[in-house]
N, C-alpha and C. Protein backbone atom coordinates (compact mmCIF):
# COMPACT_ATOMS: atom_id res chain seq x y z
N UNK A 1 -93.23 -90.09 27.20
CA UNK A 1 -92.21 -91.10 27.69
C UNK A 1 -91.02 -90.11 28.25
N UNK A 2 -90.81 -89.11 27.71
CA UNK A 2 -89.54 -88.37 28.04
C UNK A 2 -89.61 -87.57 29.21
N UNK A 3 -90.92 -87.60 29.98
CA UNK A 3 -91.23 -86.92 31.34
C UNK A 3 -90.84 -87.83 32.46
N UNK A 4 -90.50 -88.99 32.16
CA UNK A 4 -90.36 -90.00 33.26
C UNK A 4 -89.00 -89.78 33.95
N UNK A 5 -89.10 -89.59 35.16
CA UNK A 5 -87.89 -89.28 36.02
C UNK A 5 -86.88 -90.42 36.03
N UNK A 6 -85.72 -90.23 36.24
CA UNK A 6 -84.69 -91.33 36.46
C UNK A 6 -85.19 -92.47 37.65
N UNK A 7 -85.78 -91.72 38.70
CA UNK A 7 -85.94 -92.68 39.91
C UNK A 7 -87.15 -93.38 39.42
N UNK A 8 -88.20 -93.01 38.40
CA UNK A 8 -89.28 -93.92 38.07
C UNK A 8 -88.79 -94.86 36.87
N UNK A 9 -87.90 -94.36 36.44
CA UNK A 9 -87.23 -95.32 35.37
C UNK A 9 -86.58 -96.56 36.11
N UNK A 10 -85.78 -96.41 36.98
CA UNK A 10 -85.13 -96.97 37.89
C UNK A 10 -86.18 -97.97 38.47
N UNK A 11 -87.17 -97.61 39.27
CA UNK A 11 -88.14 -98.19 40.06
C UNK A 11 -88.74 -99.13 39.07
N UNK A 12 -89.19 -98.66 38.00
CA UNK A 12 -89.99 -99.50 36.98
C UNK A 12 -89.25 -100.49 36.30
N UNK A 13 -88.03 -100.52 35.92
CA UNK A 13 -87.20 -101.55 35.71
C UNK A 13 -86.85 -102.70 36.79
N UNK A 14 -86.67 -102.12 38.19
CA UNK A 14 -86.75 -103.10 39.17
C UNK A 14 -87.86 -103.80 39.36
N UNK A 15 -89.01 -102.98 39.30
CA UNK A 15 -90.28 -103.60 39.35
C UNK A 15 -90.35 -104.87 38.57
N UNK A 16 -90.25 -104.53 37.19
CA UNK A 16 -90.64 -105.52 36.13
C UNK A 16 -89.59 -106.82 36.56
N UNK A 17 -88.30 -106.48 36.65
CA UNK A 17 -87.40 -107.50 37.02
C UNK A 17 -87.87 -108.57 38.21
N UNK A 18 -88.54 -107.88 39.10
CA UNK A 18 -88.95 -108.54 40.40
C UNK A 18 -90.20 -109.45 39.85
N UNK A 19 -91.04 -108.69 39.05
CA UNK A 19 -92.24 -109.46 38.41
C UNK A 19 -91.72 -110.74 37.79
N UNK A 20 -90.80 -110.57 36.82
CA UNK A 20 -90.11 -111.71 36.18
C UNK A 20 -89.91 -112.81 37.15
N UNK A 21 -89.12 -112.40 38.05
CA UNK A 21 -88.66 -113.24 39.18
C UNK A 21 -89.83 -114.05 39.63
N UNK A 22 -90.79 -113.59 40.06
CA UNK A 22 -91.98 -114.05 40.89
C UNK A 22 -92.65 -114.85 39.78
N UNK A 23 -92.75 -114.47 38.44
CA UNK A 23 -93.27 -115.51 37.48
C UNK A 23 -92.48 -116.59 37.10
N UNK A 24 -91.24 -116.47 37.22
CA UNK A 24 -90.45 -117.81 36.83
C UNK A 24 -90.54 -118.73 38.05
N UNK A 25 -90.53 -118.22 39.40
CA UNK A 25 -90.79 -118.93 40.34
C UNK A 25 -92.03 -119.85 40.47
N UNK A 26 -93.11 -118.98 39.92
CA UNK A 26 -94.54 -119.58 40.00
C UNK A 26 -94.35 -120.78 38.87
N UNK A 27 -93.96 -120.33 37.75
CA UNK A 27 -93.59 -121.36 36.47
C UNK A 27 -92.87 -122.61 37.07
N UNK A 28 -91.86 -122.29 37.84
CA UNK A 28 -91.41 -123.76 38.27
C UNK A 28 -91.92 -124.62 39.23
N UNK A 29 -92.78 -123.87 40.19
CA UNK A 29 -93.49 -124.52 41.05
C UNK A 29 -94.61 -125.22 40.45
N UNK A 30 -95.27 -124.62 39.44
CA UNK A 30 -96.47 -125.22 38.75
C UNK A 30 -95.82 -126.27 37.65
N UNK A 31 -94.89 -126.10 37.12
CA UNK A 31 -94.22 -127.31 36.26
C UNK A 31 -93.94 -128.51 37.13
N UNK A 32 -93.34 -128.13 38.46
CA UNK A 32 -93.06 -129.29 39.40
C UNK A 32 -94.32 -130.08 39.83
N UNK A 33 -95.39 -129.05 40.12
CA UNK A 33 -96.77 -129.95 40.44
C UNK A 33 -97.69 -130.25 39.29
N UNK A 34 -97.22 -130.26 38.14
CA UNK A 34 -97.71 -130.87 37.00
C UNK A 34 -98.95 -129.81 36.55
N UNK A 35 -99.08 -128.58 36.95
CA UNK A 35 -100.30 -127.70 36.75
C UNK A 35 -100.01 -127.07 35.30
N UNK A 36 -101.30 -126.59 34.70
CA UNK A 36 -101.08 -126.08 33.41
C UNK A 36 -100.68 -124.74 33.39
N UNK A 37 -99.49 -124.57 32.75
CA UNK A 37 -98.66 -123.36 32.90
C UNK A 37 -98.58 -122.38 31.87
N UNK A 38 -99.73 -122.56 30.89
CA UNK A 38 -99.91 -121.81 29.84
C UNK A 38 -100.10 -120.24 29.91
N UNK A 39 -100.94 -119.96 31.07
CA UNK A 39 -101.27 -118.40 31.24
C UNK A 39 -99.86 -117.84 31.95
N UNK A 40 -99.28 -118.64 33.04
CA UNK A 40 -97.97 -118.11 33.66
C UNK A 40 -96.80 -117.81 32.52
N UNK A 41 -96.64 -118.83 31.60
CA UNK A 41 -95.95 -118.64 30.37
C UNK A 41 -96.33 -117.46 29.83
N UNK A 42 -97.69 -117.21 29.23
CA UNK A 42 -97.90 -115.93 28.49
C UNK A 42 -97.62 -114.70 29.24
N UNK A 43 -97.90 -114.46 30.58
CA UNK A 43 -97.47 -113.50 31.23
C UNK A 43 -95.88 -113.15 31.42
N UNK A 44 -95.25 -114.23 31.69
CA UNK A 44 -93.79 -114.06 31.68
C UNK A 44 -93.17 -113.49 30.38
N UNK A 45 -93.67 -113.94 29.40
CA UNK A 45 -93.19 -113.42 28.03
C UNK A 45 -93.76 -111.78 27.75
N UNK A 46 -94.88 -111.72 28.30
CA UNK A 46 -95.35 -110.39 28.17
C UNK A 46 -94.59 -109.27 29.04
N UNK A 47 -94.24 -109.80 30.09
CA UNK A 47 -93.51 -108.79 30.98
C UNK A 47 -92.01 -108.68 30.58
N UNK A 48 -91.42 -109.75 30.12
CA UNK A 48 -90.15 -109.85 29.44
C UNK A 48 -90.24 -108.73 28.34
N UNK A 49 -91.25 -108.75 27.60
CA UNK A 49 -91.17 -107.96 26.32
C UNK A 49 -91.55 -106.37 26.75
N UNK A 50 -92.41 -106.23 27.95
CA UNK A 50 -92.61 -104.76 28.76
C UNK A 50 -91.04 -104.42 29.00
N UNK A 51 -90.27 -105.37 29.53
CA UNK A 51 -89.15 -104.79 30.22
C UNK A 51 -88.17 -104.38 29.12
N UNK A 52 -88.14 -105.22 28.22
CA UNK A 52 -87.27 -105.04 26.86
C UNK A 52 -87.59 -103.56 26.10
N UNK A 53 -88.89 -103.26 26.08
CA UNK A 53 -89.47 -102.36 25.39
C UNK A 53 -88.89 -101.02 26.24
N UNK A 54 -89.07 -100.79 27.50
CA UNK A 54 -88.60 -99.68 28.30
C UNK A 54 -87.18 -99.47 28.34
N UNK A 55 -86.58 -100.66 28.42
CA UNK A 55 -84.90 -100.67 28.15
C UNK A 55 -84.60 -99.97 26.73
N UNK A 56 -85.30 -100.40 25.70
CA UNK A 56 -85.05 -99.88 24.54
C UNK A 56 -85.24 -98.42 24.39
N UNK A 57 -86.58 -98.10 24.92
CA UNK A 57 -86.95 -96.49 24.96
C UNK A 57 -85.91 -95.76 25.77
N UNK A 58 -85.72 -96.19 26.94
CA UNK A 58 -84.77 -95.46 27.89
C UNK A 58 -83.38 -95.51 27.90
N UNK A 59 -82.94 -96.66 27.48
CA UNK A 59 -81.43 -97.03 27.20
C UNK A 59 -80.89 -97.19 25.87
N UNK A 60 -81.86 -97.30 24.94
CA UNK A 60 -81.56 -97.67 23.31
C UNK A 60 -81.10 -98.92 23.51
N UNK A 61 -81.44 -99.87 24.24
CA UNK A 61 -80.97 -101.42 24.11
C UNK A 61 -81.94 -102.00 23.05
N UNK A 62 -81.19 -102.72 22.20
CA UNK A 62 -81.98 -103.37 21.03
C UNK A 62 -83.01 -104.31 21.64
N UNK A 63 -84.22 -104.65 20.64
CA UNK A 63 -85.18 -105.67 21.03
C UNK A 63 -85.43 -106.39 19.81
N UNK A 64 -85.71 -107.51 19.88
CA UNK A 64 -85.77 -108.44 18.76
C UNK A 64 -87.52 -108.69 18.42
N UNK A 65 -88.30 -107.99 19.05
CA UNK A 65 -89.60 -108.31 19.09
C UNK A 65 -90.40 -107.69 17.70
N UNK A 66 -91.31 -108.78 17.17
CA UNK A 66 -92.15 -108.21 16.10
C UNK A 66 -93.40 -107.38 16.60
N UNK A 67 -94.17 -106.63 15.64
CA UNK A 67 -95.18 -106.16 16.00
C UNK A 67 -96.46 -106.86 16.64
N UNK A 68 -96.43 -108.04 16.24
CA UNK A 68 -97.28 -109.04 16.76
C UNK A 68 -97.29 -109.38 18.24
N UNK A 69 -95.85 -109.54 18.51
CA UNK A 69 -95.36 -109.71 19.81
C UNK A 69 -95.71 -108.65 20.69
N UNK A 70 -95.30 -107.27 20.29
CA UNK A 70 -95.75 -106.10 21.10
C UNK A 70 -97.17 -106.06 21.33
N UNK A 71 -98.03 -106.37 20.38
CA UNK A 71 -99.64 -106.36 20.44
C UNK A 71 -100.12 -107.31 21.39
N UNK A 72 -99.67 -108.62 21.34
CA UNK A 72 -99.86 -109.66 22.21
C UNK A 72 -99.54 -109.18 23.63
N UNK A 73 -98.27 -108.64 24.00
CA UNK A 73 -97.76 -108.37 25.09
C UNK A 73 -98.58 -107.32 25.78
N UNK A 74 -98.89 -106.35 24.94
CA UNK A 74 -99.60 -105.12 25.44
C UNK A 74 -100.94 -105.60 25.82
N UNK A 75 -101.69 -106.76 25.23
CA UNK A 75 -102.90 -107.11 25.67
C UNK A 75 -102.90 -107.96 26.95
N UNK A 76 -101.92 -108.60 27.19
CA UNK A 76 -101.79 -109.43 28.20
C UNK A 76 -101.36 -108.55 29.52
N UNK A 77 -100.64 -107.56 29.28
CA UNK A 77 -100.24 -106.54 30.38
C UNK A 77 -101.39 -105.93 30.82
N UNK A 78 -102.24 -105.29 29.81
CA UNK A 78 -103.49 -104.80 30.14
C UNK A 78 -104.31 -105.56 30.89
N UNK A 79 -104.45 -106.86 30.69
CA UNK A 79 -105.19 -107.84 31.19
C UNK A 79 -104.69 -107.97 32.76
N UNK A 80 -103.40 -107.82 33.19
CA UNK A 80 -103.08 -107.94 34.56
C UNK A 80 -103.42 -106.91 35.35
N UNK A 81 -103.35 -105.66 34.68
CA UNK A 81 -103.78 -104.43 35.55
C UNK A 81 -104.85 -104.35 36.38
N UNK A 82 -106.14 -105.05 36.14
CA UNK A 82 -107.05 -104.82 37.07
C UNK A 82 -106.88 -105.69 38.36
N UNK A 83 -106.51 -106.93 38.46
CA UNK A 83 -106.31 -107.61 39.56
C UNK A 83 -105.25 -107.00 40.49
N UNK A 84 -104.23 -106.43 39.70
CA UNK A 84 -103.08 -105.81 40.51
C UNK A 84 -103.74 -104.58 41.33
N UNK A 85 -104.50 -103.70 40.51
CA UNK A 85 -105.07 -102.55 41.01
C UNK A 85 -106.25 -103.06 42.04
N UNK A 86 -106.97 -104.17 42.04
CA UNK A 86 -107.75 -104.68 43.01
C UNK A 86 -107.03 -105.00 44.46
N UNK A 87 -105.71 -105.61 44.23
CA UNK A 87 -105.00 -105.94 45.36
C UNK A 87 -104.40 -104.54 46.00
N UNK A 88 -104.06 -103.53 45.15
CA UNK A 88 -103.63 -102.36 45.61
C UNK A 88 -104.73 -101.64 46.53
N UNK A 89 -105.98 -101.72 45.94
CA UNK A 89 -107.37 -100.98 46.68
C UNK A 89 -107.28 -101.71 48.08
N UNK A 90 -106.98 -103.07 48.24
CA UNK A 90 -107.36 -103.67 49.44
C UNK A 90 -106.11 -103.69 50.41
N UNK A 91 -104.86 -103.00 50.00
CA UNK A 91 -103.71 -102.90 50.71
C UNK A 91 -103.83 -101.95 51.68
N UNK A 92 -102.89 -101.94 52.83
CA UNK A 92 -102.98 -100.84 53.82
C UNK A 92 -102.11 -99.73 53.20
N UNK A 93 -102.49 -98.49 53.45
CA UNK A 93 -101.70 -97.39 53.27
C UNK A 93 -100.54 -97.36 53.93
N UNK A 94 -99.44 -97.04 53.12
CA UNK A 94 -98.03 -97.09 53.76
C UNK A 94 -97.43 -98.38 53.96
N UNK A 95 -98.13 -99.52 53.67
CA UNK A 95 -97.64 -100.89 53.76
C UNK A 95 -96.44 -101.15 52.53
N UNK A 96 -95.41 -101.98 52.91
CA UNK A 96 -94.43 -102.25 51.89
C UNK A 96 -95.36 -102.87 50.56
N UNK A 97 -96.32 -103.78 50.92
CA UNK A 97 -97.07 -104.55 49.82
C UNK A 97 -97.59 -103.38 48.95
N UNK A 98 -98.03 -102.33 49.37
CA UNK A 98 -98.96 -101.35 48.66
C UNK A 98 -97.79 -100.48 47.78
N UNK A 99 -96.77 -100.15 48.43
CA UNK A 99 -95.55 -99.60 47.65
C UNK A 99 -95.26 -100.50 46.44
N UNK A 100 -95.02 -101.54 46.80
CA UNK A 100 -94.57 -102.81 45.61
C UNK A 100 -95.48 -102.81 44.46
N UNK A 101 -96.94 -102.74 44.81
CA UNK A 101 -98.04 -102.72 43.91
C UNK A 101 -98.05 -101.39 43.05
N UNK A 102 -97.88 -100.15 43.94
CA UNK A 102 -98.05 -99.17 43.23
C UNK A 102 -96.72 -99.13 42.21
N UNK A 103 -95.88 -99.49 42.47
CA UNK A 103 -94.38 -99.42 41.48
C UNK A 103 -94.78 -100.50 40.26
N UNK A 104 -95.52 -101.66 40.60
CA UNK A 104 -95.65 -102.47 39.63
C UNK A 104 -96.70 -101.94 38.57
N UNK A 105 -97.73 -101.38 38.95
CA UNK A 105 -98.97 -100.63 38.30
C UNK A 105 -98.20 -99.67 37.33
N UNK A 106 -97.42 -98.83 37.96
CA UNK A 106 -96.75 -97.77 37.11
C UNK A 106 -95.71 -98.38 35.97
N UNK A 107 -94.98 -99.54 36.48
CA UNK A 107 -94.14 -99.85 35.35
C UNK A 107 -94.91 -100.58 34.38
N UNK A 108 -96.05 -101.25 34.44
CA UNK A 108 -96.87 -101.89 33.43
C UNK A 108 -97.46 -100.90 32.70
N UNK A 109 -97.88 -99.90 33.51
CA UNK A 109 -98.52 -98.65 32.56
C UNK A 109 -97.46 -98.11 31.76
N UNK A 110 -96.24 -97.86 32.18
CA UNK A 110 -95.23 -97.18 31.24
C UNK A 110 -95.04 -98.32 29.97
N UNK A 111 -94.94 -99.36 30.35
CA UNK A 111 -94.61 -100.35 29.40
C UNK A 111 -95.53 -100.46 28.38
N UNK A 112 -96.99 -100.30 28.85
CA UNK A 112 -97.95 -100.26 27.79
C UNK A 112 -97.87 -98.94 26.92
N UNK A 113 -97.44 -97.74 27.54
CA UNK A 113 -97.35 -96.70 26.80
C UNK A 113 -96.13 -96.77 25.78
N UNK A 114 -94.92 -97.34 26.42
CA UNK A 114 -93.79 -97.52 25.41
C UNK A 114 -94.17 -98.33 24.23
N UNK A 115 -94.83 -99.26 24.52
CA UNK A 115 -95.43 -100.40 23.35
C UNK A 115 -96.20 -99.54 22.43
N UNK A 116 -97.12 -98.98 22.97
CA UNK A 116 -97.92 -97.89 22.08
C UNK A 116 -97.13 -97.11 21.10
N UNK A 117 -96.15 -96.30 21.65
CA UNK A 117 -95.18 -95.56 20.92
C UNK A 117 -94.53 -96.10 20.01
N UNK A 118 -94.01 -97.37 20.29
CA UNK A 118 -93.20 -98.22 19.30
C UNK A 118 -94.09 -98.68 18.24
N UNK A 119 -95.17 -99.10 18.62
CA UNK A 119 -96.20 -99.70 17.44
C UNK A 119 -96.67 -98.55 16.52
N UNK A 120 -96.68 -97.27 16.76
CA UNK A 120 -97.20 -96.62 15.81
C UNK A 120 -96.04 -95.83 15.16
N UNK A 121 -94.83 -96.24 15.32
CA UNK A 121 -93.64 -95.91 14.50
C UNK A 121 -93.47 -96.47 13.29
């Protein structure tokens, strides 16, 4: 984790904040429509934890998550990656969407790495 550039750190934090915003919007829309929100809530919590752990590792910000929370978040984030990678593979080279997906993948992978490092301490 110590070899991550400041630009990658900044982009990763911004990407996870953007992901949280998208998930919050999806949750609001689904709640309004009466849809089942269990999966979106689980993903939202996992991305919140991923962001908190990155901020903990990089900025020494405190977090209040248990080892069980970290394990669950890691599993949920790991489960998100294949669909994002699939979307990335289908996106056009040089497109803004591809850049966004690239940053999101990197941010999620760094979150997993940070969770793994914290879990083994």
